[in-house]
């Protein structure tokens, strides 16, 4: 039986929103290391960062430039998560190297 979306929760409107909802609901982000956004100073919990991105994407009153920046941040986050998921080994030192590489980009 398919899962239904709660009535008070807005339905995802785009591919990025759907991906974020799926990752949050399946709890796949909990096992990841801290995510350091491109212009961020400190690492952030991956699941909390995903929840903040989702809330920002659903903010219909945001300026168009802010919404586009949020989508860019979301795409970078999705690439980071997928790069870690496709790594042959999930050792923490590989996570650190990957996180550092993304932070330098």
N, C-alpha and C. Protein backbone atom coordinates (compact mmCIF):
# COMPACT_ATOMS: atom_id res chain seq x y z
N UNK A 1 0.84 -1.17 0.00
CA UNK A 1 0.00 0.00 0.00
C UNK A 1 0.89 1.24 0.00
N UNK A 2 0.58 2.21 -0.82
CA UNK A 2 1.39 3.42 -0.94
C UNK A 2 1.18 4.31 0.27
N UNK A 3 2.26 4.99 0.67
CA UNK A 3 2.17 5.92 1.79
C UNK A 3 1.49 7.20 1.30
N UNK A 4 0.66 7.77 2.13
CA UNK A 4 0.01 9.01 1.77
C UNK A 4 0.68 10.17 2.51
N UNK A 5 0.61 11.32 1.90
CA UNK A 5 1.16 12.52 2.51
C UNK A 5 0.14 13.06 3.50
N UNK A 6 0.61 13.46 4.66
CA UNK A 6 -0.30 14.01 5.67
C UNK A 6 -1.05 15.20 5.08
N UNK A 7 -2.28 15.35 5.46
CA UNK A 7 -3.10 16.41 4.87
C UNK A 7 -2.57 17.81 5.17
N UNK A 8 -1.95 18.01 6.31
CA UNK A 8 -1.47 19.35 6.64
C UNK A 8 -0.08 19.63 6.09
N UNK A 9 0.55 18.63 5.47
CA UNK A 9 1.88 18.81 4.89
C UNK A 9 1.74 19.11 3.40
N UNK A 10 2.35 20.21 2.92
CA UNK A 10 2.23 20.52 1.49
C UNK A 10 2.88 19.43 0.64
N UNK A 11 2.31 19.18 -0.51
CA UNK A 11 2.88 18.19 -1.41
C UNK A 11 4.14 18.76 -2.07
N UNK A 12 5.15 17.92 -2.28
CA UNK A 12 6.36 18.38 -2.96
C UNK A 12 6.02 18.87 -4.37
N UNK A 13 6.64 19.98 -4.78
CA UNK A 13 6.34 20.56 -6.08
C UNK A 13 7.39 20.23 -7.13
N UNK A 14 8.58 19.89 -6.72
CA UNK A 14 9.63 19.66 -7.71
C UNK A 14 10.47 18.46 -7.37
N UNK A 15 11.37 18.13 -8.27
CA UNK A 15 12.23 16.98 -8.06
C UNK A 15 13.09 17.09 -6.82
N UNK A 16 13.64 18.27 -6.57
CA UNK A 16 14.49 18.47 -5.40
C UNK A 16 13.67 18.34 -4.12
N UNK A 17 12.49 18.93 -4.10
CA UNK A 17 11.64 18.81 -2.92
C UNK A 17 11.26 17.35 -2.66
N UNK A 18 10.90 16.64 -3.70
CA UNK A 18 10.55 15.22 -3.55
C UNK A 18 11.73 14.42 -3.01
N UNK A 19 12.92 14.70 -3.53
CA UNK A 19 14.11 14.00 -3.08
C UNK A 19 14.37 14.29 -1.60
N UNK A 20 14.26 15.55 -1.19
CA UNK A 20 14.46 15.92 0.21
C UNK A 20 13.45 15.22 1.12
N UNK A 21 12.19 15.23 0.74
CA UNK A 21 11.14 14.58 1.54
C UNK A 21 11.45 13.10 1.69
N UNK A 22 11.82 12.46 0.58
CA UNK A 22 12.12 11.02 0.62
C UNK A 22 13.31 10.73 1.53
N UNK A 23 14.37 11.53 1.44
CA UNK A 23 15.56 11.30 2.26
C UNK A 23 15.25 11.53 3.74
N UNK A 24 14.45 12.54 4.04
CA UNK A 24 14.10 12.82 5.43
C UNK A 24 13.23 11.69 6.00
N UNK A 25 12.23 11.27 5.24
CA UNK A 25 11.31 10.23 5.74
C UNK A 25 11.98 8.87 5.87
N UNK A 26 12.93 8.55 5.03
CA UNK A 26 13.61 7.26 5.12
C UNK A 26 14.77 7.28 6.11
N UNK A 27 15.07 8.44 6.65
CA UNK A 27 16.12 8.62 7.66
C UNK A 27 17.51 8.24 7.13
N UNK A 28 17.71 8.34 5.82
CA UNK A 28 19.00 8.02 5.22
C UNK A 28 20.08 9.03 5.57
N UNK A 29 19.70 10.22 5.99
CA UNK A 29 20.68 11.28 6.24
C UNK A 29 21.30 11.19 7.62
N UNK A 30 20.72 10.42 8.50
CA UNK A 30 21.20 10.36 9.89
C UNK A 30 22.58 9.75 10.01
N UNK A 31 22.96 8.89 9.08
CA UNK A 31 24.25 8.22 9.17
C UNK A 31 25.38 9.01 8.50
N UNK A 32 25.05 10.14 7.91
CA UNK A 32 26.06 10.93 7.21
C UNK A 32 26.81 11.86 8.15
N UNK A 33 28.02 12.24 7.78
CA UNK A 33 28.77 13.20 8.59
C UNK A 33 28.17 14.60 8.46
N UNK A 34 28.68 15.53 9.19
CA UNK A 34 28.21 16.91 9.11
C UNK A 34 28.44 17.45 7.70
N UNK A 35 27.50 18.22 7.23
CA UNK A 35 27.59 18.83 5.90
C UNK A 35 28.04 20.27 6.07
N UNK A 36 29.05 20.67 5.31
CA UNK A 36 29.52 22.05 5.35
C UNK A 36 29.12 22.72 4.04
N UNK A 37 28.12 23.61 4.09
CA UNK A 37 27.72 24.32 2.87
C UNK A 37 28.89 25.10 2.28
N UNK A 38 28.80 25.40 1.00
CA UNK A 38 29.91 26.04 0.30
C UNK A 38 30.39 27.31 0.99
N UNK A 39 29.49 28.14 1.46
CA UNK A 39 29.89 29.38 2.12
C UNK A 39 29.71 29.32 3.63
N UNK A 40 29.50 28.12 4.15
CA UNK A 40 29.29 27.96 5.59
C UNK A 40 30.60 27.89 6.34
N UNK A 41 30.55 28.28 7.59
CA UNK A 41 31.73 28.26 8.44
C UNK A 41 31.86 26.95 9.21
N UNK A 42 30.75 26.35 9.56
CA UNK A 42 30.79 25.12 10.36
C UNK A 42 29.93 24.05 9.71
N UNK A 43 30.21 22.80 10.07
CA UNK A 43 29.42 21.69 9.58
C UNK A 43 28.05 21.67 10.23
N UNK A 44 27.08 21.14 9.52
CA UNK A 44 25.72 21.06 10.03
C UNK A 44 25.22 19.64 9.89
N UNK A 45 24.36 19.23 10.81
CA UNK A 45 23.75 17.91 10.73
C UNK A 45 23.01 17.81 9.40
N UNK A 46 23.27 16.73 8.64
CA UNK A 46 22.72 16.59 7.29
C UNK A 46 21.19 16.59 7.28
N UNK A 47 20.57 15.90 8.24
CA UNK A 47 19.11 15.85 8.26
C UNK A 47 18.51 17.22 8.60
N UNK A 48 19.09 17.92 9.55
CA UNK A 48 18.60 19.25 9.90
C UNK A 48 18.77 20.21 8.73
N UNK A 49 19.90 20.10 8.04
CA UNK A 49 20.14 20.96 6.88
C UNK A 49 19.08 20.68 5.80
N UNK A 50 18.77 19.40 5.58
CA UNK A 50 17.75 19.04 4.58
C UNK A 50 16.39 19.61 4.97
N UNK A 51 16.06 19.57 6.25
CA UNK A 51 14.77 20.13 6.70
C UNK A 51 14.72 21.65 6.49
N UNK A 52 15.84 22.33 6.75
CA UNK A 52 15.88 23.78 6.52
C UNK A 52 15.76 24.10 5.03
N UNK A 53 16.43 23.31 4.18
CA UNK A 53 16.31 23.52 2.74
C UNK A 53 14.87 23.33 2.29
N UNK A 54 14.23 22.28 2.76
CA UNK A 54 12.86 22.00 2.37
C UNK A 54 11.93 23.14 2.79
N UNK A 55 12.10 23.63 4.00
CA UNK A 55 11.28 24.76 4.46
C UNK A 55 11.52 26.00 3.60
N UNK A 56 12.77 26.25 3.25
CA UNK A 56 13.09 27.42 2.42
C UNK A 56 12.51 27.27 1.01
N UNK A 57 12.54 26.06 0.47
CA UNK A 57 11.97 25.83 -0.87
C UNK A 57 10.47 26.02 -0.87
N UNK A 58 9.83 25.75 0.25
CA UNK A 58 8.37 25.89 0.34
C UNK A 58 7.93 27.29 0.71
N UNK A 59 8.87 28.19 0.98
CA UNK A 59 8.55 29.57 1.34
C UNK A 59 8.17 30.33 0.07
N UNK A 60 6.89 30.50 -0.14
CA UNK A 60 6.39 31.14 -1.36
C UNK A 60 6.60 32.65 -1.37
N UNK A 61 6.92 33.23 -0.22
CA UNK A 61 7.08 34.68 -0.14
C UNK A 61 8.53 35.13 -0.32
N UNK A 62 9.43 34.20 -0.52
CA UNK A 62 10.84 34.54 -0.68
C UNK A 62 11.08 35.21 -2.03
N UNK A 63 12.06 36.07 -2.07
CA UNK A 63 12.45 36.73 -3.31
C UNK A 63 12.92 35.69 -4.33
N UNK A 64 12.72 35.93 -5.62
CA UNK A 64 13.17 34.97 -6.63
C UNK A 64 14.66 34.65 -6.56
N UNK A 65 15.49 35.64 -6.25
CA UNK A 65 16.93 35.38 -6.15
C UNK A 65 17.26 34.48 -4.96
N UNK A 66 16.52 34.64 -3.87
CA UNK A 66 16.72 33.79 -2.69
C UNK A 66 16.27 32.37 -2.99
N UNK A 67 15.15 32.23 -3.69
CA UNK A 67 14.66 30.89 -4.04
C UNK A 67 15.65 30.18 -4.96
N UNK A 68 16.23 30.90 -5.91
CA UNK A 68 17.19 30.28 -6.81
C UNK A 68 18.45 29.87 -6.06
N UNK A 69 18.91 30.71 -5.14
CA UNK A 69 20.08 30.36 -4.33
C UNK A 69 19.78 29.12 -3.47
N UNK A 70 18.57 29.03 -2.95
CA UNK A 70 18.17 27.86 -2.16
C UNK A 70 18.18 26.61 -3.02
N UNK A 71 17.66 26.72 -4.25
CA UNK A 71 17.69 25.57 -5.16
C UNK A 71 19.13 25.17 -5.48
N UNK A 72 20.01 26.16 -5.68
CA UNK A 72 21.43 25.85 -5.93
C UNK A 72 22.04 25.12 -4.73
N UNK A 73 21.74 25.62 -3.53
CA UNK A 73 22.24 24.97 -2.31
C UNK A 73 21.71 23.54 -2.20
N UNK A 74 20.44 23.37 -2.55
CA UNK A 74 19.83 22.04 -2.49
C UNK A 74 20.46 21.08 -3.49
N UNK A 75 20.75 21.58 -4.69
CA UNK A 75 21.40 20.72 -5.69
C UNK A 75 22.80 20.33 -5.26
N UNK A 76 23.53 21.25 -4.65
CA UNK A 76 24.87 20.95 -4.14
C UNK A 76 24.79 19.91 -3.03
N UNK A 77 23.81 20.05 -2.15
CA UNK A 77 23.63 19.10 -1.06
C UNK A 77 23.28 17.72 -1.61
N UNK A 78 22.37 17.66 -2.59
CA UNK A 78 22.00 16.38 -3.17
C UNK A 78 23.21 15.71 -3.83
N UNK A 79 24.03 16.47 -4.52
CA UNK A 79 25.24 15.91 -5.14
C UNK A 79 26.18 15.35 -4.09
N UNK A 80 26.32 16.06 -2.98
CA UNK A 80 27.19 15.61 -1.88
C UNK A 80 26.68 14.30 -1.31
N UNK A 81 25.37 14.22 -1.04
CA UNK A 81 24.78 13.00 -0.47
C UNK A 81 24.95 11.84 -1.44
N UNK A 82 24.68 12.07 -2.71
CA UNK A 82 24.77 10.98 -3.69
C UNK A 82 26.20 10.54 -3.92
N UNK A 83 27.15 11.47 -3.83
CA UNK A 83 28.56 11.11 -3.96
C UNK A 83 28.99 10.21 -2.79
N UNK A 84 28.53 10.52 -1.61
CA UNK A 84 28.85 9.68 -0.45
C UNK A 84 28.18 8.32 -0.55
N UNK A 85 26.96 8.29 -1.05
CA UNK A 85 26.24 7.03 -1.16
C UNK A 85 26.86 6.10 -2.20
N UNK A 86 27.50 6.66 -3.20
CA UNK A 86 28.07 5.83 -4.25
C UNK A 86 29.52 5.45 -3.96
N UNK A 87 30.06 5.93 -2.84
CA UNK A 87 31.45 5.60 -2.48
C UNK A 87 31.56 4.10 -2.21
N UNK A 88 32.67 3.47 -2.65
CA UNK A 88 32.81 2.03 -2.46
C UNK A 88 32.88 1.61 -1.00
N UNK A 89 33.42 2.45 -0.15
CA UNK A 89 33.53 2.15 1.27
C UNK A 89 33.00 3.34 2.04
N UNK A 90 32.37 3.09 3.18
CA UNK A 90 31.78 4.18 3.95
C UNK A 90 32.62 4.49 5.18
N UNK A 91 33.94 4.40 5.05
CA UNK A 91 34.82 4.71 6.17
C UNK A 91 34.80 6.22 6.43
N UNK A 92 34.94 6.60 7.68
CA UNK A 92 34.83 8.01 8.05
C UNK A 92 35.93 8.85 7.44
N UNK A 93 37.14 8.30 7.21
CA UNK A 93 38.19 9.10 6.62
C UNK A 93 37.86 9.47 5.17
N UNK A 94 37.13 8.61 4.47
CA UNK A 94 36.70 8.95 3.12
C UNK A 94 35.64 10.04 3.16
N UNK A 95 34.75 9.99 4.16
CA UNK A 95 33.77 11.05 4.31
C UNK A 95 34.46 12.39 4.53
N UNK A 96 35.47 12.38 5.37
CA UNK A 96 36.18 13.63 5.66
C UNK A 96 36.85 14.18 4.41
N UNK A 97 37.49 13.31 3.62
CA UNK A 97 38.13 13.79 2.39
C UNK A 97 37.10 14.33 1.42
N UNK A 98 35.97 13.64 1.28
CA UNK A 98 34.93 14.09 0.37
C UNK A 98 34.34 15.42 0.85
N UNK A 99 34.10 15.53 2.14
CA UNK A 99 33.56 16.78 2.70
C UNK A 99 34.53 17.93 2.48
N UNK A 100 35.81 17.68 2.68
CA UNK A 100 36.81 18.72 2.48
C UNK A 100 36.87 19.15 1.02
N UNK A 101 36.78 18.18 0.12
CA UNK A 101 36.82 18.49 -1.31
C UNK A 101 35.63 19.35 -1.69
N UNK A 102 34.43 19.02 -1.17
CA UNK A 102 33.24 19.81 -1.48
C UNK A 102 33.35 21.21 -0.88
N UNK A 103 33.96 21.32 0.26
CA UNK A 103 34.09 22.61 0.93
C UNK A 103 35.03 23.52 0.16
N UNK A 104 36.02 22.94 -0.51
CA UNK A 104 36.99 23.73 -1.27
C UNK A 104 36.43 24.20 -2.60
N UNK A 105 35.44 23.50 -3.12
CA UNK A 105 34.90 23.82 -4.46
C UNK A 105 34.19 25.15 -4.49
